[in-house]
Structure formats: structure tokens, C-alpha cells
Amino acid sequence: MNEATNIDGKIIPVKQDVLTLPNAISLSRALIAIPILMLHHASGKEANWLIVALIGYAFISDYLDGYFARKLNQVTEFGKVVDPLADKICAIILFFYAVLIGIIPLFFFIIMIARDLLILTGSLLIKRKQGKYAMSVMSGKVAVNILAIYWIVAFFFPEREQTIEFLMLLSIILMIYSLGSYVHRYIMIQKKGAEFN
């Protein structure tokens, strides 16, 4: 087990374990998009309680994995990778499907993918130089949740055109802002070294 200081200055013990409760929660979130889309298609593209429950779980699990990781002292290198990766896998599947059925514009999906690729590139560079992955930033979590709200409204309330346009614009702003946060964090890590997590 290693101890590392994150950008906020907090000491966090980091383990090498893989089979932990927080990691299982993260992995389940990565896969949950598949049953959501299957149920959405089977229900004639109408919302039902099971779809809503699965989406609710995806929301809650994004906080539960981090909470249990800290509470149970189970922050791991694998978890630092799988947590943001689960968000990206789930979002890419859901938004790609939304583009295919004409609910969300292609340019928005391209912006989302470009941002994720830039963040992934930065993470790999940090891993290569420092030997470990950096943890997600809070603005990234906020952006993911606004993206989820945008997807929900676009899917189940297509008549709310002004709300959808507002959420799309807000999502773009938050994606750009969170990308800036990741760039700042990358610069901080490069300057201050491997003690940052």
C-alpha cells in the first residue's frame, strides 16, 4: 500500500487490490447502459419504472464507489482507472444510441468524444511519467451528471425543446470547464511530481 497526496493536499492510502466493493460498483455502472437501451427499445421508447431505477442507480453509483473507497480504505490504482472509465463507457453507449435515433446531434457526440480522448491522453502521460494514474476531478463528475440529465430529458421529454437546448449548452460549457480542470491538474502533477494522486 502506498500513501499519496492528491491535488487538494489530502493524504490518501492507495492499494493495489482489484476485487473490492467500490470497484464492483464502478464496473456495474460501465455495463448498465446495455439493459437501459434494451428496455428502452422493448418498451417502445417509453419510460418505465425499471429504466428510471437503472438510471437512478447509475447516478447514485457514481458517488457510492468513491464513498465506499474512502470509507472502507479501499482506494486502489485499478479503481482510479475504472471509475472514470465506467462513466465514459456508459455515456458513450447511451449517447451513440441517442445519435443513431436522432435525439442528440452528432456534433455534440463528437465534442464529448474529443474531450474524453484528451483526458485519456493526459492520464496515460501521467501514468507513463509518474507510474500511477491520477484521480478524477470533481468538475468532471459534475459534467457527467449534467450529461446524464441532458440524456434523460432528451429521451423522455422530447417536447421540452428549450430545456433540451439549455441542457445541451450547459453540458458543453461544463465539459470544456472540466477539461480545463484536468489540464490544470496535469500541469500541477508535472510540476510537483509523483506525490500527487
Protein backbone atom coordinates (compact mmCIF):
# COMPACT_ATOMS: atom_id res chain seq x y z
CA MET A 1 0.00 0.00 0.00
CA ASN A 2 1.24 3.47 -0.88
CA GLU A 3 0.33 6.87 0.51
CA ALA A 4 -0.11 9.75 -1.87
CA THR A 5 -1.22 13.35 -1.62
CA ASN A 6 -3.89 14.47 -4.03
CA ILE A 7 -4.14 17.95 -5.52
CA ASP A 8 -6.32 19.05 -2.59
CA GLY A 9 -3.49 18.21 -0.19
CA LYS A 10 -5.19 15.21 1.44
CA ILE A 11 -3.23 12.08 2.28
CA ILE A 12 -4.86 9.04 0.66
CA PRO A 13 -3.67 5.45 1.10
CA VAL A 14 -3.66 3.70 -2.29
CA LYS A 15 -3.81 -0.09 -2.58
CA GLN A 16 -3.17 -2.45 -5.48
CA ASP A 17 -6.30 -4.60 -4.90
CA VAL A 18 -8.80 -5.21 -7.69
CA LEU A 19 -11.60 -7.23 -6.07
CA THR A 20 -13.19 -4.57 -3.87
CA LEU A 21 -16.75 -3.33 -3.37
CA PRO A 22 -16.07 0.13 -4.87
CA ASN A 23 -14.52 -1.44 -7.99
CA ALA A 24 -17.51 -3.79 -8.38
CA ILE A 25 -19.87 -0.80 -8.19
CA SER A 26 -17.84 1.04 -10.85
CA LEU A 27 -17.83 -1.98 -13.17
CA SER A 28 -21.60 -2.39 -12.82
CA ARG A 29 -22.05 1.24 -13.90
CA ALA A 30 -19.99 0.61 -17.03
CA LEU A 31 -22.38 -2.18 -18.08
CA ILE A 32 -25.69 -0.66 -17.03
CA ALA A 33 -26.18 1.21 -20.33
CA ILE A 34 -26.88 -2.09 -22.11
CA PRO A 35 -30.03 -3.09 -20.15
CA ILE A 36 -31.21 0.54 -20.21
CA LEU A 37 -31.14 0.59 -24.02
CA MET A 38 -32.66 -2.89 -24.30
CA LEU A 39 -35.55 -1.90 -22.04
CA HIS A 40 -35.95 1.44 -23.83
CA HIS A 41 -36.23 -0.31 -27.18
CA ALA A 42 -38.53 -3.06 -25.89
CA SER A 43 -40.89 -0.57 -24.21
CA GLY A 44 -41.49 1.33 -27.44
CA LYS A 45 -39.13 4.11 -26.34
CA GLU A 46 -41.31 4.97 -23.35
CA ALA A 47 -40.04 5.47 -19.82
CA ASN A 48 -40.91 2.81 -17.27
CA TRP A 49 -40.07 2.29 -13.63
CA LEU A 50 -37.26 -0.18 -14.32
CA ILE A 51 -35.48 2.18 -16.74
CA VAL A 52 -35.83 5.00 -14.23
CA ALA A 53 -34.49 2.74 -11.46
CA LEU A 54 -31.45 1.75 -13.54
CA ILE A 55 -30.71 5.37 -14.43
CA GLY A 56 -31.09 6.27 -10.76
CA TYR A 57 -28.63 3.54 -9.84
CA ALA A 58 -26.14 4.86 -12.41
CA PHE A 59 -26.40 8.30 -10.78
CA ILE A 60 -26.04 7.04 -7.23
CA SER A 61 -23.27 4.54 -8.02
CA ASP A 62 -21.09 7.37 -9.31
CA TYR A 63 -20.91 8.61 -5.72
CA LEU A 64 -21.18 5.28 -3.90
CA ASP A 65 -17.96 3.86 -5.34
CA GLY A 66 -15.95 6.87 -4.18
CA TYR A 67 -17.71 6.96 -0.80
CA PHE A 68 -17.05 3.30 -0.05
CA ALA A 69 -13.49 3.52 -1.37
CA ARG A 70 -12.71 6.20 1.21
CA LYS A 71 -14.92 4.78 3.99
CA LEU A 72 -13.55 1.23 3.68
CA ASN A 73 -9.99 2.36 2.97
CA GLN A 74 -10.20 0.72 -0.47
CA VAL A 75 -8.81 3.40 -2.79
CA THR A 76 -6.93 1.38 -5.44
CA GLU A 77 -4.95 2.03 -8.60
CA PHE A 78 -7.48 -0.08 -10.50
CA GLY A 79 -10.33 1.94 -9.04
CA LYS A 80 -8.75 5.21 -10.13
CA VAL A 81 -8.90 3.87 -13.69
CA VAL A 82 -12.22 2.02 -13.72
CA ASP A 83 -14.27 4.78 -12.02
CA PRO A 84 -13.89 7.45 -14.74
CA LEU A 85 -13.72 4.76 -17.43
CA ALA A 86 -17.11 3.42 -16.31
CA ASP A 87 -18.57 6.92 -16.70
CA LYS A 88 -17.15 7.20 -20.19
CA ILE A 89 -18.25 3.74 -21.36
CA CYS A 90 -21.78 4.26 -20.10
CA ALA A 91 -22.02 7.77 -21.60
CA ILE A 92 -20.57 6.77 -24.97
CA ILE A 93 -23.01 3.86 -25.37
CA LEU A 94 -26.05 5.93 -24.36
CA PHE A 95 -25.15 8.99 -26.43
CA PHE A 96 -24.15 6.98 -29.51
CA TYR A 97 -27.56 5.31 -29.41
CA ALA A 98 -29.17 8.74 -28.99
CA VAL A 99 -27.35 10.00 -32.09
CA LEU A 100 -28.43 6.94 -34.08
CA ILE A 101 -32.11 7.53 -33.33
CA GLY A 102 -31.82 11.29 -33.96
CA ILE A 103 -32.38 12.57 -30.43
CA ILE A 104 -28.98 14.18 -29.87
CA PRO A 105 -26.93 15.97 -32.58
CA LEU A 106 -23.77 14.36 -33.92
CA PHE A 107 -21.61 17.44 -33.24
CA PHE A 108 -22.35 17.13 -29.51
CA PHE A 109 -21.23 13.50 -29.52
CA ILE A 110 -18.02 14.49 -31.34
CA ILE A 111 -17.27 17.17 -28.71
CA MET A 112 -17.84 14.61 -25.95
CA ILE A 113 -15.55 12.03 -27.57
CA ALA A 114 -12.82 14.61 -28.28
CA ARG A 115 -12.84 15.74 -24.64
CA ASP A 116 -12.64 12.17 -23.37
CA LEU A 117 -9.75 11.37 -25.70
CA LEU A 118 -7.82 14.42 -24.49
CA ILE A 119 -8.39 13.46 -20.85
CA LEU A 120 -7.40 9.86 -21.57
CA THR A 121 -4.20 11.04 -23.29
CA GLY A 122 -3.31 13.16 -20.27
CA SER A 123 -3.96 10.26 -17.90
CA LEU A 124 -1.71 7.97 -19.93
CA LEU A 125 1.05 10.58 -19.97
CA ILE A 126 0.82 10.92 -16.19
CA LYS A 127 0.91 7.14 -15.81
CA ARG A 128 3.94 6.91 -18.07
CA LYS A 129 5.90 9.61 -16.24
CA GLN A 130 4.74 9.13 -12.64
CA GLY A 131 3.99 5.40 -12.66
CA LYS A 132 0.40 5.76 -11.47
CA TYR A 133 -2.94 7.19 -12.50
CA ALA A 134 -4.42 10.42 -11.16
CA MET A 135 -7.86 10.53 -9.57
CA SER A 136 -10.88 12.18 -11.19
CA VAL A 137 -11.60 15.85 -10.54
CA MET A 138 -14.96 16.96 -9.10
CA SER A 139 -15.83 19.16 -12.09
CA GLY A 140 -15.59 16.04 -14.24
CA LYS A 141 -18.12 14.29 -12.02
CA VAL A 142 -20.47 17.29 -12.23
CA ALA A 143 -20.16 17.34 -16.03
CA VAL A 144 -21.01 13.64 -16.23
CA ASN A 145 -24.15 14.12 -14.14
CA ILE A 146 -25.34 17.08 -16.23
CA LEU A 147 -24.73 14.95 -19.32
CA ALA A 148 -26.94 12.28 -17.79
CA ILE A 149 -29.72 14.79 -17.09
CA TYR A 150 -29.46 16.06 -20.68
CA TRP A 151 -29.77 12.49 -21.98
CA ILE A 152 -32.79 11.75 -19.76
CA VAL A 153 -34.68 14.89 -20.79
CA ALA A 154 -33.84 14.43 -24.49
CA PHE A 155 -35.01 10.80 -24.35
CA PHE A 156 -38.17 11.02 -22.29
CA PHE A 157 -39.30 14.64 -22.73
CA PRO A 158 -38.52 15.48 -26.39
CA GLU A 159 -41.23 18.15 -26.40
CA ARG A 160 -39.19 20.24 -23.91
CA GLU A 161 -37.11 21.75 -26.69
CA GLN A 162 -35.93 24.85 -24.80
CA THR A 163 -34.93 22.76 -21.78
CA ILE A 164 -33.05 20.35 -24.02
CA GLU A 165 -31.19 23.18 -25.75
CA PHE A 166 -30.29 24.72 -22.38
CA LEU A 167 -29.00 21.40 -21.03
CA MET A 168 -27.01 20.80 -24.20
CA LEU A 169 -25.34 24.22 -23.90
CA LEU A 170 -24.73 23.71 -20.18
CA SER A 171 -23.22 20.28 -20.88
CA ILE A 172 -20.83 21.74 -23.45
CA ILE A 173 -19.76 24.51 -21.05
CA LEU A 174 -19.15 22.03 -18.22
CA MET A 175 -17.28 19.63 -20.49
CA ILE A 176 -14.94 22.45 -21.53
CA TYR A 177 -14.57 23.66 -17.93
CA SER A 178 -13.82 20.18 -16.61
CA LEU A 179 -11.31 19.67 -19.43
CA GLY A 180 -9.59 22.85 -18.23
CA SER A 181 -9.56 21.42 -14.70
CA TYR A 182 -7.89 18.25 -15.96
CA VAL A 183 -5.32 20.28 -17.88
CA HIS A 184 -4.57 22.33 -14.76
CA ARG A 185 -4.26 19.17 -12.68
CA TYR A 186 -1.94 17.67 -15.31
CA ILE A 187 0.31 20.76 -15.15
CA MET A 188 0.32 20.62 -11.33
CA ILE A 189 1.33 16.96 -11.35
CA GLN A 190 4.09 17.58 -13.87
CA LYS A 191 5.43 20.45 -11.75
CA LYS A 192 5.08 18.93 -8.29
CA GLY A 193 5.79 15.31 -9.01
CA ALA A 194 4.54 11.86 -8.11
CA GLU A 195 3.39 12.71 -4.59
CA PHE A 196 0.13 13.88 -6.12
CA ASN A 197 -2.65 11.39 -6.64
